[in-house]
Amino acid sequence: GGFLAGMVKSRVAVVVGFFLLGKGQLYGYIFAGRILLDVTGSFDLIKGLLGEYTEPIFWALTLGAVYYAYQADAAVKRETANFETLTREEALEREKTIDKSATVFEKMGKARSKPK
């Protein structure tokens, strides 16, 4: 009883977290589709047609959707990320000119104290 309730709570928390954090929109479609199949009884009809291969097919489709979502997310990050790849030597050279203040407030103080 208690273990099952804990498992249900944790699963709900994970699913809700995906939706609230903006991740898992594709997972949401899959999740909603699975609920729709279960509620309408279509899953049992499909299971009657595909037999014991139904669950592995759904798992493969789900993993495919996850892979697609990961690749799409990675493509967006590659196109929109503000980064530059440097060689080790270039990185060491740039490191010499980087402000190494301990906090944001120190950096703000330095910027304000510079003569204009």
Foldseek 3Di string as FASTA:
>chain_A
DVVVVVVVVVVVVVVVVCVVVVHCPLVVVLVVVVVVCVVVVVLVVVCVVVPPCSVVVSVVVVVVSVVVSVVVVVVVCVVPPPDDDDDPVVVVVVVVVDDPDPDPVVVVVVVVPDDD
